[in-house]
Protein backbone atom coordinates (compact mmCIF):
# COMPACT_ATOMS: atom_id res chain seq x y z
CA UNK A 1 132.09 80.00 -169.76
CA UNK A 2 132.09 76.85 -171.81
CA UNK A 3 129.86 73.82 -171.70
CA UNK A 4 129.22 70.62 -173.64
CA UNK A 5 125.65 69.51 -174.25
CA UNK A 6 124.67 65.90 -175.12
CA UNK A 7 121.16 64.50 -175.45
CA UNK A 8 119.25 61.34 -176.08
CA UNK A 9 121.96 58.92 -175.10
CA UNK A 10 119.44 56.11 -175.10
CA UNK A 11 121.97 53.94 -173.33
CA UNK A 12 121.13 50.23 -173.49
CA UNK A 13 122.91 47.77 -171.23
CA UNK A 14 124.31 44.59 -172.74
CA UNK A 15 122.79 42.79 -169.71
CA UNK A 16 119.45 43.23 -171.53
CA UNK A 17 120.67 40.66 -174.05
CA UNK A 18 120.78 36.95 -173.15
CA UNK A 19 123.18 36.45 -176.01
CA UNK A 20 126.09 38.30 -177.45
CA UNK A 21 124.49 41.32 -179.15
CA UNK A 22 127.23 41.25 -181.81
CA UNK A 23 126.56 37.58 -182.62
CA UNK A 24 123.20 38.41 -184.26
CA UNK A 25 122.64 40.41 -187.51
CA UNK A 26 122.50 44.12 -187.04
CA UNK A 27 119.00 45.51 -186.92
CA UNK A 28 118.22 48.72 -188.77
CA UNK A 29 117.01 51.27 -186.21
CA UNK A 30 116.91 55.03 -185.79
CA UNK A 31 119.21 54.66 -182.74
CA UNK A 32 122.34 52.44 -182.39
CA UNK A 33 121.33 50.74 -179.11
CA UNK A 34 123.89 47.92 -179.54
CA UNK A 35 126.76 50.37 -179.79
CA UNK A 36 125.38 52.98 -177.33
CA UNK A 37 128.13 52.26 -174.74
CA UNK A 38 130.98 52.61 -177.21
CA UNK A 39 129.46 55.84 -178.58
CA UNK A 40 128.98 57.34 -175.11
CA UNK A 41 132.48 56.52 -174.00
CA UNK A 42 133.86 58.03 -177.28
CA UNK A 43 131.98 61.24 -176.54
CA UNK A 44 133.19 61.47 -172.95
CA UNK A 45 136.79 60.74 -174.06
CA UNK A 46 136.49 63.58 -176.59
CA UNK A 47 135.46 66.00 -173.86
CA UNK A 48 138.30 64.78 -171.54
CA UNK A 49 140.73 65.60 -174.33
CA UNK A 50 139.56 69.19 -174.31
CA UNK A 51 142.01 71.16 -172.05
CA UNK A 52 139.58 74.12 -171.77
CA UNK A 53 136.22 72.48 -170.69
CA UNK A 54 135.27 69.35 -168.88
CA UNK A 55 131.66 70.11 -168.07
CA UNK A 56 128.91 68.08 -169.74
CA UNK A 57 125.13 68.62 -169.56
CA UNK A 58 122.96 65.57 -170.39
CA UNK A 59 119.46 66.76 -171.35
CA UNK A 60 117.17 63.70 -170.98
CA UNK A 61 116.37 60.26 -172.44
CA UNK A 62 119.52 58.89 -170.86
CA UNK A 63 118.39 55.25 -171.36
CA UNK A 64 116.57 53.42 -174.18
CA UNK A 65 113.32 52.91 -172.17
CA UNK A 66 114.14 53.06 -168.46
CA UNK A 67 115.44 49.53 -167.99
CA UNK A 68 116.79 49.06 -164.44
CA UNK A 69 120.08 47.50 -165.55
CA UNK A 70 120.62 50.25 -168.20
CA UNK A 71 120.36 52.85 -165.42
CA UNK A 72 122.64 50.85 -163.14
CA UNK A 73 125.34 50.47 -165.74
CA UNK A 74 125.02 54.06 -166.99
CA UNK A 75 125.55 55.28 -163.40
CA UNK A 76 128.77 53.27 -163.28
CA UNK A 77 129.98 54.95 -166.42
CA UNK A 78 129.11 58.41 -165.06
CA UNK A 79 130.94 57.61 -161.82
CA UNK A 80 134.00 56.41 -163.78
CA UNK A 81 134.22 59.51 -165.89
CA UNK A 82 133.55 61.82 -162.93
CA UNK A 83 136.51 60.23 -161.26
CA UNK A 84 138.56 61.00 -164.41
CA UNK A 85 137.75 64.68 -164.18
CA UNK A 86 134.46 65.29 -165.94
CA UNK A 87 131.74 67.43 -164.26
CA UNK A 88 128.53 65.83 -165.35
CA UNK A 89 125.14 67.46 -164.99
CA UNK A 90 121.99 65.64 -165.93
CA UNK A 91 118.24 65.48 -165.93
CA UNK A 92 115.92 62.74 -167.08
CA UNK A 93 112.88 62.53 -169.35
CA UNK A 94 110.14 60.23 -170.73
CA UNK A 95 112.39 57.35 -171.87
CA UNK A 96 113.96 56.97 -168.49
CA UNK A 97 111.12 55.27 -166.61
CA UNK A 98 107.84 53.33 -166.97
CA UNK A 99 105.50 53.92 -164.09
CA UNK A 100 103.11 51.10 -163.22
CA UNK A 101 100.30 53.51 -162.49
CA UNK A 102 99.30 56.91 -163.74
CA UNK A 103 100.56 59.67 -161.44
CA UNK A 104 100.12 62.47 -163.96
CA UNK A 105 103.36 61.83 -165.80
CA UNK A 106 101.86 59.51 -168.43
CA UNK A 107 101.57 55.69 -168.15
CA UNK A 108 102.87 53.37 -170.80
CA UNK A 109 100.19 52.73 -173.50
CA UNK A 110 100.39 49.02 -174.04
CA UNK A 111 98.95 45.65 -172.92
CA UNK A 112 98.46 45.44 -169.13
CA UNK A 113 101.03 42.67 -168.77
CA UNK A 114 103.68 44.94 -170.50
CA UNK A 115 103.22 47.93 -168.24
CA UNK A 116 106.44 48.69 -166.45
CA UNK A 117 108.51 46.48 -168.79
CA UNK A 118 110.69 47.21 -171.82
CA UNK A 119 112.22 45.16 -174.62
CA UNK A 120 115.09 42.67 -174.01
CA UNK A 121 116.50 39.99 -176.30
CA UNK A 122 116.49 36.19 -175.79
CA UNK A 123 119.21 33.66 -176.54
CA UNK A 124 118.45 33.82 -180.24
CA UNK A 125 118.61 37.63 -180.28
CA UNK A 126 114.83 37.90 -180.62
CA UNK A 127 113.01 40.78 -178.93
CA UNK A 128 110.88 40.09 -175.86
CA UNK A 129 109.15 42.61 -173.65
CA UNK A 130 110.33 41.26 -170.30
CA UNK A 131 112.89 43.74 -168.94
CA UNK A 132 111.74 45.56 -165.74
CA UNK A 133 112.06 49.33 -165.66
CA UNK A 134 112.45 52.02 -163.04
CA UNK A 135 109.53 54.06 -161.90
CA UNK A 136 109.83 57.81 -162.10
CA UNK A 137 110.29 58.28 -158.34
CA UNK A 138 113.31 55.96 -158.50
CA UNK A 139 115.13 58.51 -160.56
CA UNK A 140 115.07 61.13 -157.78
CA UNK A 141 117.98 59.80 -155.73
CA UNK A 142 119.73 58.00 -158.64
CA UNK A 143 120.58 61.21 -160.56
CA UNK A 144 120.71 63.64 -157.62
CA UNK A 145 124.60 63.59 -157.64
CA UNK A 146 124.56 64.98 -161.10
CA UNK A 147 123.39 68.51 -160.51
CA UNK A 148 120.64 68.51 -157.87
CA UNK A 149 122.86 67.81 -154.85
CA UNK A 150 124.81 70.99 -155.52
CA UNK A 151 121.97 73.04 -156.99
CA UNK A 152 121.04 76.59 -155.98
CA UNK A 153 117.39 75.52 -155.97
CA UNK A 154 115.36 72.35 -156.75
CA UNK A 155 111.71 71.88 -157.59
CA UNK A 156 110.99 68.63 -155.75
CA UNK A 157 107.92 67.65 -157.86
CA UNK A 158 109.49 67.96 -161.34
CA UNK A 159 113.23 67.39 -160.36
CA UNK A 160 114.00 70.69 -162.16
CA UNK A 161 116.94 72.63 -160.70
CA UNK A 162 119.14 75.71 -161.09
CA UNK A 163 122.90 75.39 -160.97
CA UNK A 164 125.79 77.90 -160.97
CA UNK A 165 128.25 77.05 -163.80
CA UNK A 166 130.56 79.87 -162.87
CA UNK A 167 130.45 83.34 -161.26
CA UNK A 168 128.36 84.76 -164.09
CA UNK A 169 126.11 82.07 -165.47
CA UNK A 170 123.29 80.00 -163.91
CA UNK A 171 121.71 77.08 -165.65
CA UNK A 172 117.98 76.29 -165.41
CA UNK A 173 117.72 72.51 -165.98
CA UNK A 174 113.98 71.87 -166.65
CA UNK A 175 112.39 68.44 -166.48
CA UNK A 176 109.39 68.49 -168.82
CA UNK A 177 108.18 64.87 -168.64
CA UNK A 178 104.88 65.90 -167.02
CA UNK A 179 101.72 64.95 -168.93
CA UNK A 180 99.85 68.17 -169.65
CA UNK A 181 96.89 66.71 -171.56
CA UNK A 182 95.42 63.27 -172.13
CA UNK A 183 95.03 63.38 -175.95
CA UNK A 184 98.36 62.68 -177.57
CA UNK A 185 100.13 63.07 -174.20
CA UNK A 186 102.12 66.27 -175.08
CA UNK A 187 104.82 66.97 -172.45
CA UNK A 188 105.37 70.23 -170.66
CA UNK A 189 105.44 71.83 -167.19
CA UNK A 190 102.75 71.51 -164.54
CA UNK A 191 101.15 74.79 -163.45
CA UNK A 192 102.90 74.48 -160.05
CA UNK A 193 106.32 74.95 -161.78
CA UNK A 194 105.80 78.44 -163.17
CA UNK A 195 105.79 80.22 -159.80
CA UNK A 196 109.11 78.41 -158.99
CA UNK A 197 110.57 79.53 -162.32
CA UNK A 198 109.48 83.19 -161.62
CA UNK A 199 110.99 83.09 -158.14
CA UNK A 200 114.31 81.61 -159.37
CA UNK A 201 114.62 84.13 -162.19
CA UNK A 202 114.16 86.95 -159.65
CA UNK A 203 116.79 85.30 -157.41
CA UNK A 204 119.29 85.01 -160.34
CA UNK A 205 118.76 88.67 -161.14
CA UNK A 206 119.36 89.63 -157.48
CA UNK A 207 122.49 87.47 -157.48
CA UNK A 208 123.70 89.27 -160.64
CA UNK A 209 123.60 86.04 -162.71
CA UNK A 210 122.94 85.70 -166.43
CA UNK A 211 120.74 82.71 -167.08
CA UNK A 212 119.90 80.20 -169.89
CA UNK A 213 117.65 77.16 -169.97
CA UNK A 214 117.79 73.58 -171.02
CA UNK A 215 114.84 71.19 -171.38
CA UNK A 216 114.11 67.98 -173.24
CA UNK A 217 111.24 68.65 -175.66
CA UNK A 218 111.69 71.40 -178.29
CA UNK A 219 109.80 74.67 -177.89
CA UNK A 220 110.03 75.45 -181.62
CA UNK A 221 109.66 72.85 -184.34
CA UNK A 222 113.21 72.19 -185.69
CA UNK A 223 111.62 71.97 -189.14
CA UNK A 224 108.29 72.93 -190.52
CA UNK A 225 107.78 69.29 -191.52
CA UNK A 226 108.63 68.09 -188.04
CA UNK A 227 105.96 70.47 -186.67
CA UNK A 228 103.47 68.33 -188.53
CA UNK A 229 104.77 64.79 -188.17
CA UNK A 230 106.10 65.40 -184.63
CA UNK A 231 103.50 67.83 -183.29
CA UNK A 232 103.07 65.90 -180.06
CA UNK A 233 106.81 65.70 -179.63
CA UNK A 234 107.04 69.51 -179.01
CA UNK A 235 106.82 71.06 -175.57
CA UNK A 236 103.21 71.79 -174.73
CA UNK A 237 102.53 75.54 -174.98
CA UNK A 238 106.19 75.96 -176.11
CA UNK A 239 105.51 79.13 -178.06
CA UNK A 240 104.04 80.73 -174.96
CA UNK A 241 106.99 79.59 -172.96
CA UNK A 242 109.33 81.23 -175.56
CA UNK A 243 107.51 84.51 -174.80
CA UNK A 244 108.17 83.97 -171.11
CA UNK A 245 111.84 83.38 -171.72
CA UNK A 246 112.05 86.60 -173.78
CA UNK A 247 110.40 88.34 -170.83
CA UNK A 248 113.08 86.97 -168.55
CA UNK A 249 115.79 88.25 -170.84
CA UNK A 250 116.70 84.69 -171.89
CA UNK A 251 117.75 84.19 -175.53
CA UNK A 252 118.88 80.55 -175.67
CA UNK A 253 117.36 77.21 -174.66
CA UNK A 254 119.02 73.79 -175.39
CA UNK A 255 116.71 70.92 -176.27
CA UNK A 256 116.72 67.34 -177.50
CA UNK A 257 114.11 64.64 -178.09
CA UNK A 258 113.52 65.32 -181.77
CA UNK A 259 116.91 63.83 -182.71
CA UNK A 260 117.17 66.68 -185.17
CA UNK A 261 120.28 68.88 -185.30
CA UNK A 262 118.95 72.34 -185.87
CA UNK A 263 118.97 75.97 -184.56
CA UNK A 264 115.65 77.71 -184.88
CA UNK A 265 114.35 80.91 -183.44
CA UNK A 266 111.16 83.02 -182.91
CA UNK A 267 110.97 86.76 -182.52
CA UNK A 268 109.12 87.59 -179.32
CA UNK A 269 106.70 90.39 -178.95
CA UNK A 270 109.46 92.56 -177.43
CA UNK A 271 111.43 92.15 -180.66
CA UNK A 272 114.17 89.95 -179.18
CA UNK A 273 115.00 86.50 -180.57
CA UNK A 274 114.61 83.30 -178.60
CA UNK A 275 116.84 80.48 -180.01
CA UNK A 276 115.99 76.81 -179.68
CA UNK A 277 119.22 74.86 -180.10
CA UNK A 278 118.13 71.27 -180.85
CA UNK A 279 120.80 68.58 -180.83
CA UNK A 280 121.03 65.18 -182.50
CA UNK A 281 120.58 61.99 -180.55
CA UNK A 282 124.07 60.94 -179.47
CA UNK A 283 123.48 57.30 -180.56
CA UNK A 284 121.53 58.33 -183.68
CA UNK A 285 122.34 59.99 -186.94
CA UNK A 286 124.41 62.03 -187.07
CA UNK A 287 126.37 61.02 -183.85
CA UNK A 288 126.89 64.53 -182.61
CA UNK A 289 126.82 66.89 -179.62
CA UNK A 290 127.30 70.58 -178.95
CA UNK A 291 129.85 72.82 -177.42
CA UNK A 292 128.64 76.25 -176.31
CA UNK A 293 130.55 79.33 -175.17
CA UNK A 294 128.81 82.05 -173.24
CA UNK A 295 130.01 85.67 -173.32
CA UNK A 296 129.36 88.53 -170.93
CA UNK A 297 127.19 90.44 -173.35
CA UNK A 298 124.79 87.43 -173.61
CA UNK A 299 126.09 86.26 -176.95
CA UNK A 300 126.34 82.45 -177.25
CA UNK A 301 128.66 80.67 -179.69
CA UNK A 302 127.54 77.19 -180.64
CA UNK A 303 129.73 74.56 -182.25
CA UNK A 304 129.12 70.95 -183.28
CA UNK A 305 131.28 68.01 -182.34
CA UNK A 306 130.80 65.01 -184.72
CA UNK A 307 132.13 61.61 -183.65
CA UNK A 308 133.89 60.14 -186.68
CA UNK A 309 135.08 56.79 -185.33
CA UNK A 310 134.85 54.36 -182.39
CA UNK A 311 138.12 53.41 -180.70
CA UNK A 312 136.33 50.47 -178.99
CA UNK A 313 134.54 48.97 -181.99
CA UNK A 314 135.62 48.03 -185.52
CA UNK A 315 133.44 49.90 -188.04
CA UNK A 316 134.92 47.79 -190.95
CA UNK A 317 136.36 50.81 -192.67
CA UNK A 318 133.29 53.02 -192.40
CA UNK A 319 133.11 56.30 -190.52
CA UNK A 320 130.74 56.45 -187.57
CA UNK A 321 128.33 58.83 -189.42
CA UNK A 322 128.19 56.32 -192.35
CA UNK A 323 127.63 53.51 -189.95
CA UNK A 324 124.85 55.29 -188.11
CA UNK A 325 123.23 56.44 -191.35
CA UNK A 326 122.99 52.83 -192.55
CA UNK A 327 121.28 51.86 -189.32
CA UNK A 328 118.91 54.81 -189.47
CA UNK A 329 117.94 54.91 -193.13
CA UNK A 330 118.59 51.31 -194.14
CA UNK A 331 114.97 50.29 -193.35
CA UNK A 332 113.49 53.18 -195.39
CA UNK A 333 115.77 52.62 -198.34
CA UNK A 334 115.03 48.91 -198.47
CA UNK A 335 111.32 49.57 -198.23
CA UNK A 336 111.34 52.04 -201.11
CA UNK A 337 113.36 49.72 -203.34
CA UNK A 338 111.10 46.76 -202.61
CA UNK A 339 107.86 48.79 -202.87
CA UNK A 340 107.24 48.08 -206.56
CA UNK A 341 108.52 44.56 -206.84
CA UNK A 342 108.83 42.40 -203.73
CA UNK A 343 105.83 42.17 -201.30
CA UNK A 344 107.53 39.94 -198.75
CA UNK A 345 110.70 42.14 -198.46
CA UNK A 346 108.57 45.33 -198.33
CA UNK A 347 106.39 43.81 -195.58
CA UNK A 348 109.48 42.68 -193.58
CA UNK A 349 110.95 46.21 -193.44
CA UNK A 350 107.56 47.96 -193.24
CA UNK A 351 106.91 45.97 -190.05
CA UNK A 352 109.85 47.77 -188.46
CA UNK A 353 108.00 51.10 -188.67
CA UNK A 354 104.68 49.64 -187.43
CA UNK A 355 103.04 48.85 -190.85
CA UNK A 356 101.77 45.32 -190.33
CA UNK A 357 102.34 42.59 -192.94
CA UNK A 358 98.59 41.84 -193.32
CA UNK A 359 98.03 45.52 -194.07
CA UNK A 360 100.75 45.38 -196.77
CA UNK A 361 99.21 42.21 -198.22
CA UNK A 362 95.75 43.79 -198.22
CA UNK A 363 96.89 46.93 -199.99
CA UNK A 364 99.65 45.49 -202.13
CA UNK A 365 97.63 45.99 -205.37
CA UNK A 366 97.81 49.78 -204.61
CA UNK A 367 101.29 49.90 -203.10
CA UNK A 368 102.94 48.09 -206.04
CA UNK A 369 102.05 50.50 -208.89
CA UNK A 370 102.87 53.49 -206.71
CA UNK A 371 106.20 51.94 -205.80
CA UNK A 372 106.95 51.31 -209.51
CA UNK A 373 106.18 54.93 -210.35
CA UNK A 374 108.38 56.33 -207.61
CA UNK A 375 111.30 53.96 -208.27
CA UNK A 376 111.17 54.65 -212.00
CA UNK A 377 110.69 58.40 -211.72
CA UNK A 378 113.68 60.31 -213.18
CA UNK A 379 114.44 64.01 -213.21
CA UNK A 380 113.83 63.93 -216.95
CA UNK A 381 110.27 62.74 -216.48
CA UNK A 382 109.74 65.05 -213.53
CA UNK A 383 110.88 68.02 -215.58
CA UNK A 384 108.23 67.30 -218.23
CA UNK A 385 105.55 67.57 -215.60
CA UNK A 386 106.61 71.02 -214.44
CA UNK A 387 108.61 72.36 -217.35
CA UNK A 388 107.20 75.91 -217.25
CA UNK A 389 107.20 76.13 -213.42
CA UNK A 390 110.77 75.05 -212.95
CA UNK A 391 112.36 76.77 -215.96
CA UNK A 392 114.87 74.00 -216.39
CA UNK A 393 115.78 73.28 -220.01
CA UNK A 394 116.62 69.90 -221.44
CA UNK A 395 120.13 71.09 -222.20
CA UNK A 396 120.60 72.42 -218.69
CA UNK A 397 119.46 69.12 -217.11
CA UNK A 398 121.78 67.19 -219.36
CA UNK A 399 122.81 63.72 -218.05
CA UNK A 400 120.87 64.32 -214.81
CA UNK A 401 117.75 63.57 -216.80
CA UNK A 402 118.43 59.85 -216.33
CA UNK A 403 119.05 60.19 -212.45
CA UNK A 404 116.37 58.85 -210.20
CA UNK A 405 114.35 61.19 -207.95
CA UNK A 406 114.31 58.67 -204.98
CA UNK A 407 117.88 59.42 -203.75
CA UNK A 408 117.17 63.15 -203.62
CA UNK A 409 114.00 62.37 -201.59
CA UNK A 410 116.09 60.34 -199.22
CA UNK A 411 118.58 63.18 -199.02
CA UNK A 412 115.74 65.51 -197.98
CA UNK A 413 114.79 63.02 -195.22
CA UNK A 414 118.38 62.93 -194.14
CA UNK A 415 118.46 66.74 -194.13
CA UNK A 416 115.62 66.83 -191.74
CA UNK A 417 117.73 65.10 -189.04
CA UNK A 418 121.26 66.10 -189.99
CA UNK A 419 120.57 69.80 -190.44
CA UNK A 420 122.18 72.28 -192.87
CA UNK A 421 120.19 71.17 -195.97
CA UNK A 422 122.50 72.02 -198.83
CA UNK A 423 120.79 71.35 -202.18
CA UNK A 424 121.71 74.45 -204.19
CA UNK A 425 118.66 76.59 -205.01
CA UNK A 426 120.12 77.11 -208.52
CA UNK A 427 120.42 73.44 -209.18
CA UNK A 428 118.03 71.64 -211.54
CA UNK A 429 117.04 69.23 -208.79
CA UNK A 430 115.98 72.01 -206.52
CA UNK A 431 114.04 73.82 -209.20
CA UNK A 432 112.25 70.72 -210.50
CA UNK A 433 111.10 69.69 -207.05
CA UNK A 434 109.92 73.16 -206.12
CA UNK A 435 108.33 73.52 -209.61
CA UNK A 436 106.33 70.36 -208.93
CA UNK A 437 105.35 71.57 -205.48
CA UNK A 438 104.07 74.86 -206.96
CA UNK A 439 101.51 72.84 -209.00
CA UNK A 440 100.25 71.24 -205.78
CA UNK A 441 100.06 74.68 -204.11
CA UNK A 442 98.11 75.93 -207.22
CA UNK A 443 95.48 73.20 -206.62
CA UNK A 444 95.30 74.08 -203.00
CA UNK A 445 94.65 77.78 -203.87
CA UNK A 446 92.06 76.79 -206.48
CA UNK A 447 90.06 74.76 -203.96
CA UNK A 448 90.56 77.38 -201.26
CA UNK A 449 91.95 74.87 -198.84
CA UNK A 450 93.07 76.63 -195.61
CA UNK A 451 96.38 74.87 -195.35
CA UNK A 452 97.62 77.21 -192.60
CA UNK A 453 94.78 76.19 -190.36
CA UNK A 454 95.65 72.51 -190.84
CA UNK A 455 99.41 72.68 -190.81
CA UNK A 456 100.38 76.17 -189.55
CA UNK A 457 101.91 76.96 -192.96
CA UNK A 458 100.23 78.65 -195.91
CA UNK A 459 101.85 76.60 -198.67
CA UNK A 460 103.42 73.16 -199.22
CA UNK A 461 106.47 74.98 -200.42
CA UNK A 462 107.02 76.37 -196.89
CA UNK A 463 107.15 72.77 -195.65
CA UNK A 464 109.37 71.33 -198.28
CA UNK A 465 111.88 74.12 -199.03
CA UNK A 466 113.78 73.88 -195.68
CA UNK A 467 114.47 70.15 -196.46
CA UNK A 468 116.22 71.25 -199.63
CA UNK A 469 118.13 74.33 -198.45
CA UNK A 470 118.75 75.86 -195.02
CA UNK A 471 118.24 79.57 -195.51
CA UNK A 472 118.30 80.31 -191.78
CA UNK A 473 120.91 79.95 -189.05
CA UNK A 474 123.89 77.51 -189.63
CA UNK A 475 122.82 74.44 -187.71
CA UNK A 476 126.38 73.46 -186.93
CA UNK A 477 128.34 76.56 -186.05
CA UNK A 478 126.66 79.85 -185.12
CA UNK A 479 127.04 82.89 -182.97
CA UNK A 480 123.65 83.77 -181.48
CA UNK A 481 122.98 87.48 -181.02
CA UNK A 482 120.62 88.07 -178.01
CA UNK A 483 119.43 91.38 -179.38
CA UNK A 484 118.82 91.06 -183.13
CA UNK A 485 116.94 88.21 -184.98
CA UNK A 486 119.05 86.82 -187.84
CA UNK A 487 118.16 87.58 -191.50
CA UNK A 488 117.79 84.90 -194.23
CA UNK A 489 121.08 84.00 -195.94
CA UNK A 490 119.91 84.52 -199.52
CA UNK A 491 116.81 85.45 -201.45
CA UNK A 492 115.27 82.16 -202.68
CA UNK A 493 113.56 81.88 -206.08
CA UNK A 494 109.76 81.93 -206.10
CA UNK A 495 107.85 79.20 -208.00
CA UNK A 496 104.14 79.64 -209.07
CA UNK A 497 101.98 77.51 -211.23
CA UNK A 498 98.77 78.36 -213.17
CA UNK A 499 98.13 74.77 -214.25
CA UNK A 500 95.51 73.98 -211.54
CA UNK A 501 92.40 75.06 -213.57
CA UNK A 502 93.57 73.10 -216.57
CA UNK A 503 94.31 69.98 -214.45
CA UNK A 504 90.88 70.08 -212.85
CA UNK A 505 89.05 70.61 -216.22
CA UNK A 506 91.08 67.88 -217.88
CA UNK A 507 90.36 65.53 -214.96
CA UNK A 508 86.63 66.14 -215.16
CA UNK A 509 86.56 65.61 -218.96
CA UNK A 510 88.51 62.39 -218.64
CA UNK A 511 86.30 61.13 -215.85
CA UNK A 512 83.11 61.81 -217.82
CA UNK A 513 84.50 60.32 -221.05
CA UNK A 514 85.60 57.11 -219.36
CA UNK A 515 82.82 56.86 -216.72
CA UNK A 516 81.76 53.28 -217.77
CA UNK A 517 85.44 52.17 -217.54
CA UNK A 518 85.75 53.80 -214.06
CA UNK A 519 82.63 51.98 -212.85
CA UNK A 520 83.91 48.59 -213.99
CA UNK A 521 87.40 49.29 -212.61
CA UNK A 522 85.91 50.44 -209.29
CA UNK A 523 83.85 47.22 -209.05
CA UNK A 524 86.95 45.15 -209.91
CA UNK A 525 89.00 46.95 -207.21
CA UNK A 526 86.22 46.38 -204.65
CA UNK A 527 86.23 42.63 -205.46
CA UNK A 528 90.04 42.45 -205.20
CA UNK A 529 90.05 44.42 -201.96
CA UNK A 530 87.44 42.00 -200.52
CA UNK A 531 89.55 39.00 -201.55
CA UNK A 532 92.70 40.52 -200.13
CA UNK A 533 90.92 41.32 -196.89
CA UNK A 534 89.79 37.74 -196.53
CA UNK A 535 93.27 36.40 -197.38
CA UNK A 536 94.92 38.77 -194.85
CA UNK A 537 93.19 36.92 -192.04
CA UNK A 538 95.50 33.91 -192.78
CA UNK A 539 97.95 33.78 -189.79
CA UNK A 540 100.96 33.64 -192.13
CA UNK A 541 100.39 37.38 -192.79
CA UNK A 542 100.25 38.38 -189.20
CA UNK A 543 103.99 37.98 -188.48
CA UNK A 544 106.69 38.52 -191.12
CA UNK A 545 108.73 35.43 -191.82
CA UNK A 546 112.49 35.66 -191.12
CA UNK A 547 114.14 36.31 -194.47
CA UNK A 548 117.22 37.57 -196.20
CA UNK A 549 116.35 40.89 -197.79
CA UNK A 550 116.30 40.95 -201.57
CA UNK A 551 118.65 43.88 -201.46
CA UNK A 552 122.16 43.89 -199.98
CA UNK A 553 124.08 46.87 -198.61
CA UNK A 554 126.10 46.83 -201.92
CA UNK A 555 123.00 47.31 -204.06
């Protein structure tokens, strides 16, 4: 049995624009909303061209933010491609509605006048929150034709359902948009759903069916770093649910939401692996989806389909992954480059990730020197800081000594989302970064900081290393064994530093020797901070002025 899996379409109708969306400058964003229809059609056309499989599962966040017209136009596309021969199964999630009152699914946290509305664009292409959205109950009938009408069983409260894909395999399509706790609003399953799951698992066993699951929020963090920065984006009690899956004899669950292309696993108490196959957002970076093949012995082969071009849109000579990467990382790259030199440009792009211009203005005297340091840091300078730890000689580093560290940091961020981090563990870059991290871990050990209690990981190295090199399952193409957990690919080098005591002693001596200077400097900083705080109340710092960025795409 074969099946395509797409997630996080974030389809956004052109009717939400009062102008031609292509007449205004492209806005850097994690998702390519403007091109979402072209990307979706390209993906569906790719599946239609496959002579072996025409079944597609859409695993939630079908629209940008639940706009009524986005749902209307998306349904028309689904109807069109169903008529062409696709079998489309779907379930919705948190980005597909905005309830006007709290019914236990989580109300929009915003100004009262914005509740139930999403962002549209006026005649000038400027964003305005004035587009009405569907409520969750509206989704019940709208998406019933895409799985639930022909389901074996449906849970009416959550819209979850089971569906026979062939004579051997039954899908459990699980809607997890229920609010399980008030703080942070993690998503999961209401208590009432678990008896239904137990009953349907027993029914599948009686029917002689093999089963697998799909849900929206990941059970397992697709990266240790994501487990920290995206803690509330994981399925509530996901690790416990993984144990339940292992008890059911289920080895694979397909997820989305994180926009991370990754295959992770946990080993359950019964010794069996449970694989969480997380897939990129279709309209994000990289523009990808999955193809899965299920075998009688429970083995699942997972492949990745990457969209490389758009037949309905001119990418000006760029590949689609390049185009999407620019949209995704353009903001961050512009911010970093402006951090040490241009307050206005930095504030403009920082505003796009919710750092307000008045905050930038108030803290610019701290941001600027840090930005200069980061932008001027080369691998040659970094090597001198951790020469003993990394073991990289000046001769080995060679011409790379002049290369900046920032591009590699950006590559690590890219690796988080794209998967298959590929910075060679034997390379100078890898060893210098991990050598520097070992110094930080040495300080953590010296001060007996319980990092595992805070982050779930014992060292900073455990958080950073997967962004440099994927030592686990291939995130793009893998054959998942239901019986045996996979082993690491290679034995990675271990880095350890003994500099921590010397750093602390040196810092204490310097502080004592220059105490009068520190006091004067502290007083000066306090005065500057007060002045900046007063200046930041000026209305001109509340909203960024429209500007042409100091940096162009060619820089």
